[in-house]
Amino acid sequence: MVRTFVLIPGAGGSAWVWSRVAPLLVEAGHEVIAVDLPGDDEAAGLTRYAELVVDAIGSRSEVVVVAGSLGGFTAPLVCERVPVRELVFVSAMVPQPGETARDWWANTGASEAQGEAARAGGYGPFDVATYFLHDVDAEVVAEGEPYQRSEADIAFESVCDFTAWPPVRIRVLAGDDDRFFPVGLQRRVARDRLGVEADTLPGGHLLPLVQPRLVADYLLHATRPGHVS
C-alpha cells in the first residue's frame, strides 16, 4: 500500500532537514511531501504554516503527518483540517490545545531538563554547535548552510488553537543523545500529553540528518498497515 508522508520541518522552516529521509521513503515506493515553511517571516506564524501544509496535501487523504521539533505545533492544526492516517513526532514539541511554543518551555519543564542534562553530560550552556550539530557530519553541516534561516518570534507567540488530537495512532520518536530536548523530557511529555511511550534511536536533535536510514525505516515499519506495536 502506497503511503503519503507529509514532512513538517522545525524552526526556520527549511524542508532540507528531511533531505536524507525523503529519498529513502520514495525509494521504498511511497509519496513524500516535504513542506518548506517561511520561518523567518514575521507575518506568518502557525496559522500560515498550517495553511501551507494543507495546501501542499491538497485532496489527498489518509496521509501520515511527520513533524520535527517546532513543527509539532503545526501538526495538530493540520490534523484538524485534513484526514490523516497517523501522526508521528520526531524530536518534536508536543503542544496542548491553546498553548504557545514560548509557554511550552515552562509548562513542560524543558529548560530545567535541558540544564540537568547539560550538567550531567558536561557540555555547558546552549550554542548551536553543541546542542544541534554535535553529532552531524561536517559535510552535512556545510551542505545545509544555505538553507538555514532564523525563526520569527510570531511562531513562538502564536496560539496552537486545536481542539483535540485526531483519533488516530500517534507516535513519538526521540534521540537518545538529544541535547536540546533530552530523551527523559520527551518520554515524560509523551506520556503526560499523549499517553504513549516514546520510541528512541541513537542520535541527537537532528535525527533526520544524523540517522536518515533509521528514521526512514522507523517510519516505514511503524506506519505500515496492520502494525500495532
Protein backbone atom coordinates (compact mmCIF):
# COMPACT_ATOMS: atom_id res chain seq x y z
CA MET A 1 0.00 0.00 0.00
CA VAL A 2 1.42 3.36 -1.04
CA ARG A 3 1.51 5.89 1.79
CA THR A 4 1.89 9.66 1.59
CA PHE A 5 4.32 11.06 4.15
CA VAL A 6 3.93 14.77 4.90
CA LEU A 7 7.16 16.02 6.46
CA ILE A 8 6.99 19.22 8.52
CA PRO A 9 10.26 20.95 9.47
CA GLY A 10 11.15 22.67 12.73
CA ALA A 11 12.36 26.20 13.48
CA GLY A 12 13.43 28.11 10.40
CA GLY A 13 11.04 26.06 8.29
CA SER A 14 13.57 24.52 5.92
CA ALA A 15 12.39 21.28 4.33
CA TRP A 16 16.06 20.49 3.75
CA VAL A 17 16.18 18.84 7.19
CA TRP A 18 14.26 15.94 5.60
CA SER A 19 16.50 15.78 2.52
CA ARG A 20 18.11 12.49 3.52
CA VAL A 21 14.96 10.76 4.73
CA ALA A 22 12.65 11.70 1.85
CA PRO A 23 14.55 9.80 -0.91
CA LEU A 24 14.56 6.65 1.21
CA LEU A 25 10.77 6.80 1.59
CA VAL A 26 10.37 7.37 -2.14
CA GLU A 27 12.77 4.53 -2.88
CA ALA A 28 10.51 2.29 -0.81
CA GLY A 29 7.61 3.17 -3.12
CA HIS A 30 5.84 5.93 -1.21
CA GLU A 31 4.94 9.54 -1.86
CA VAL A 32 6.67 12.30 0.10
CA ILE A 33 5.63 15.91 0.60
CA ALA A 34 8.35 17.83 2.44
CA VAL A 35 6.89 21.27 3.09
CA ASP A 36 9.11 24.35 3.18
CA LEU A 37 7.77 26.97 5.62
CA PRO A 38 8.52 30.73 5.85
CA GLY A 39 10.07 30.52 9.29
CA ASP A 40 11.71 33.94 9.05
CA ASP A 41 8.52 35.75 8.03
CA GLU A 42 7.10 37.85 10.90
CA ALA A 43 3.76 37.93 9.09
CA ALA A 44 3.39 34.15 9.02
CA GLY A 45 3.13 32.06 12.21
CA LEU A 46 1.37 28.79 12.97
CA THR A 47 -1.86 29.53 11.12
CA ARG A 48 0.03 30.31 7.93
CA TYR A 49 2.27 27.27 8.37
CA ALA A 50 -0.78 25.02 8.69
CA GLU A 51 -2.36 26.60 5.60
CA LEU A 52 0.77 25.89 3.56
CA VAL A 53 0.90 22.27 4.68
CA VAL A 54 -2.80 21.77 3.98
CA ASP A 55 -2.38 23.35 0.54
CA ALA A 56 0.53 21.00 -0.19
CA ILE A 57 -1.58 17.99 0.80
CA GLY A 58 -4.38 19.08 -1.49
CA SER A 59 -7.09 16.45 -2.00
CA ARG A 60 -5.01 13.59 -0.60
CA SER A 61 -6.43 11.71 2.35
CA GLU A 62 -5.11 9.29 4.95
CA VAL A 63 -1.69 10.95 4.96
CA VAL A 64 1.00 10.25 7.54
CA VAL A 65 1.95 13.56 9.15
CA VAL A 66 5.53 13.65 10.46
CA ALA A 67 6.57 16.69 12.49
CA GLY A 68 10.05 17.66 13.62
CA SER A 69 10.92 19.95 16.55
CA LEU A 70 8.84 23.18 16.39
CA GLY A 71 6.81 21.51 13.63
CA GLY A 72 4.99 19.74 16.44
CA PHE A 73 2.99 22.95 16.91
CA THR A 74 1.88 22.98 13.28
CA ALA A 75 0.94 19.30 13.09
CA PRO A 76 -2.28 19.30 15.18
CA LEU A 77 -3.61 22.29 13.23
CA VAL A 78 -3.10 20.31 10.03
CA CYS A 79 -4.71 17.21 11.52
CA GLU A 80 -7.91 19.15 12.21
CA ARG A 81 -8.20 20.13 8.56
CA VAL A 82 -7.27 17.02 6.59
CA PRO A 83 -7.91 13.28 7.04
CA VAL A 84 -4.76 11.76 8.49
CA ARG A 85 -3.72 8.15 8.81
CA GLU A 86 -1.16 8.64 11.58
CA LEU A 87 0.81 11.35 13.33
CA VAL A 88 4.49 10.97 14.18
CA PHE A 89 6.55 13.39 16.26
CA VAL A 90 10.30 13.29 15.62
CA SER A 91 12.36 15.13 18.25
CA ALA A 92 9.37 17.40 18.44
CA MET A 93 7.45 19.67 20.78
CA VAL A 94 4.08 18.20 21.74
CA PRO A 95 1.63 21.05 22.43
CA GLN A 96 -1.55 21.25 24.41
CA PRO A 97 -4.64 22.95 22.96
CA GLY A 98 -4.32 26.72 23.39
CA GLU A 99 -0.61 26.65 24.20
CA THR A 100 2.12 28.74 22.61
CA ALA A 101 5.58 27.42 21.81
CA ARG A 102 7.04 30.07 24.10
CA ASP A 103 4.96 28.84 27.06
CA TRP A 104 5.72 25.19 26.26
CA TRP A 105 9.17 25.50 27.84
CA ALA A 106 7.88 26.46 31.27
CA ASN A 107 4.80 24.24 31.06
CA THR A 108 6.88 21.13 30.39
CA GLY A 109 9.94 21.97 32.48
CA ALA A 110 12.04 21.79 29.33
CA SER A 111 14.59 24.39 30.39
CA GLU A 112 15.23 22.60 33.68
CA ALA A 113 15.55 19.25 31.90
CA GLN A 114 17.96 20.75 29.39
CA GLY A 115 20.09 22.24 32.17
CA GLU A 116 20.18 18.99 34.13
CA ALA A 117 21.23 17.05 31.05
CA ALA A 118 23.96 19.59 30.27
CA ARG A 119 25.39 19.32 33.77
CA ALA A 120 25.30 15.54 33.65
CA GLY A 121 26.87 15.46 30.18
CA GLY A 122 29.40 18.19 30.89
CA TYR A 123 28.73 20.14 27.72
CA GLY A 124 27.76 23.53 29.16
CA PRO A 125 25.29 26.24 28.11
CA PHE A 126 23.43 26.49 24.82
CA ASP A 127 25.05 27.14 21.49
CA VAL A 128 24.04 25.80 18.10
CA ALA A 129 27.14 23.67 17.54
CA THR A 130 26.92 21.99 20.94
CA TYR A 131 23.18 21.37 21.05
CA PHE A 132 22.27 20.78 17.41
CA LEU A 133 25.36 19.87 15.42
CA HIS A 134 27.46 17.83 17.85
CA ASP A 135 26.79 14.56 16.01
CA VAL A 136 26.07 15.85 12.50
CA ASP A 137 28.72 15.08 9.88
CA ALA A 138 30.71 18.17 8.91
CA GLU A 139 29.89 17.72 5.22
CA VAL A 140 26.19 17.65 6.01
CA VAL A 141 26.53 20.80 8.13
CA ALA A 142 28.28 22.58 5.25
CA GLU A 143 25.65 21.42 2.77
CA GLY A 144 22.90 22.78 4.96
CA GLU A 145 24.33 26.26 5.45
CA PRO A 146 22.45 27.86 2.51
CA TYR A 147 19.15 26.51 3.86
CA GLN A 148 19.43 27.91 7.36
CA ARG A 149 17.22 30.78 8.44
CA SER A 150 16.06 32.15 11.77
CA GLU A 151 12.59 31.61 13.20
CA ALA A 152 10.44 34.72 13.59
CA ASP A 153 9.03 35.47 17.04
CA ILE A 154 5.45 35.21 15.77
CA ALA A 155 5.69 31.43 15.59
CA PHE A 156 6.55 31.20 19.29
CA GLU A 157 3.76 33.60 20.21
CA SER A 158 1.07 32.01 18.02
CA VAL A 159 -1.57 30.02 19.88
CA CYS A 160 -1.86 26.40 18.85
CA ASP A 161 -5.65 26.53 18.82
CA PHE A 162 -6.59 22.96 18.02
CA THR A 163 -9.46 21.28 19.84
CA ALA A 164 -8.25 17.71 20.30
CA TRP A 165 -5.82 15.15 18.92
CA PRO A 166 -7.05 13.22 15.90
CA PRO A 167 -8.49 9.75 16.63
CA VAL A 168 -5.52 8.03 15.01
CA ARG A 169 -2.34 6.37 16.20
CA ILE A 170 0.20 8.91 17.44
CA ARG A 171 3.87 8.07 17.85
CA VAL A 172 6.81 9.89 19.38
CA LEU A 173 10.38 9.28 18.22
CA ALA A 174 13.24 10.75 20.26
CA GLY A 175 17.01 10.76 20.03
CA ASP A 176 18.88 9.08 22.87
CA ASP A 177 21.55 11.77 22.62
CA ASP A 178 19.32 14.81 22.06
CA ARG A 179 20.78 17.72 23.99
CA PHE A 180 18.09 20.23 23.07
CA PHE A 181 15.10 18.10 24.10
CA PRO A 182 16.67 15.46 26.39
CA VAL A 183 15.20 12.00 26.00
CA GLY A 184 13.87 11.93 29.57
CA LEU A 185 11.88 15.08 28.86
CA GLN A 186 10.47 13.66 25.64
CA ARG A 187 9.45 10.43 27.33
CA ARG A 188 7.68 12.32 30.11
CA VAL A 189 5.87 14.70 27.73
CA ALA A 190 4.80 11.80 25.51
CA ARG A 191 3.28 10.01 28.49
CA ASP A 192 1.70 13.07 30.09
CA ARG A 193 0.28 14.68 26.98
CA LEU A 194 -0.38 11.78 24.63
CA GLY A 195 -0.46 8.71 26.85
CA VAL A 196 2.15 6.98 24.69
CA GLU A 197 5.64 5.65 25.25
CA ALA A 198 8.31 7.37 23.17
CA ASP A 199 10.44 5.26 20.86
CA THR A 200 14.13 6.13 20.64
CA LEU A 201 17.01 5.94 18.21
CA PRO A 202 20.70 6.72 18.75
CA GLY A 203 21.42 10.31 17.79
CA GLY A 204 20.87 13.92 18.73
CA HIS A 205 18.19 16.50 17.97
CA LEU A 206 18.64 16.39 14.19
CA LEU A 207 17.81 12.71 13.82
CA PRO A 208 16.69 13.01 10.17
CA LEU A 209 20.19 14.22 9.26
CA VAL A 210 22.14 12.00 11.64
CA GLN A 211 20.23 8.74 11.22
CA PRO A 212 18.24 9.06 7.98
CA ARG A 213 18.13 5.33 7.29
CA LEU A 214 16.98 4.50 10.82
CA VAL A 215 14.37 7.28 10.76
CA ALA A 216 13.08 6.17 7.35
CA ASP A 217 12.96 2.53 8.46
CA TYR A 218 11.10 3.55 11.60
CA LEU A 219 8.51 5.48 9.60
CA LEU A 220 8.09 2.66 7.12
CA HIS A 221 7.79 -0.01 9.80
CA ALA A 222 5.71 1.86 12.37
CA THR A 223 3.12 3.11 9.89
CA ARG A 224 2.71 0.00 7.78
CA PRO A 225 -0.84 -1.40 7.55
CA GLY A 226 -1.68 -3.71 10.41
CA HIS A 227 1.24 -2.63 12.62
CA VAL A 228 0.01 -2.01 16.14
CA SER A 229 3.02 -2.20 18.48
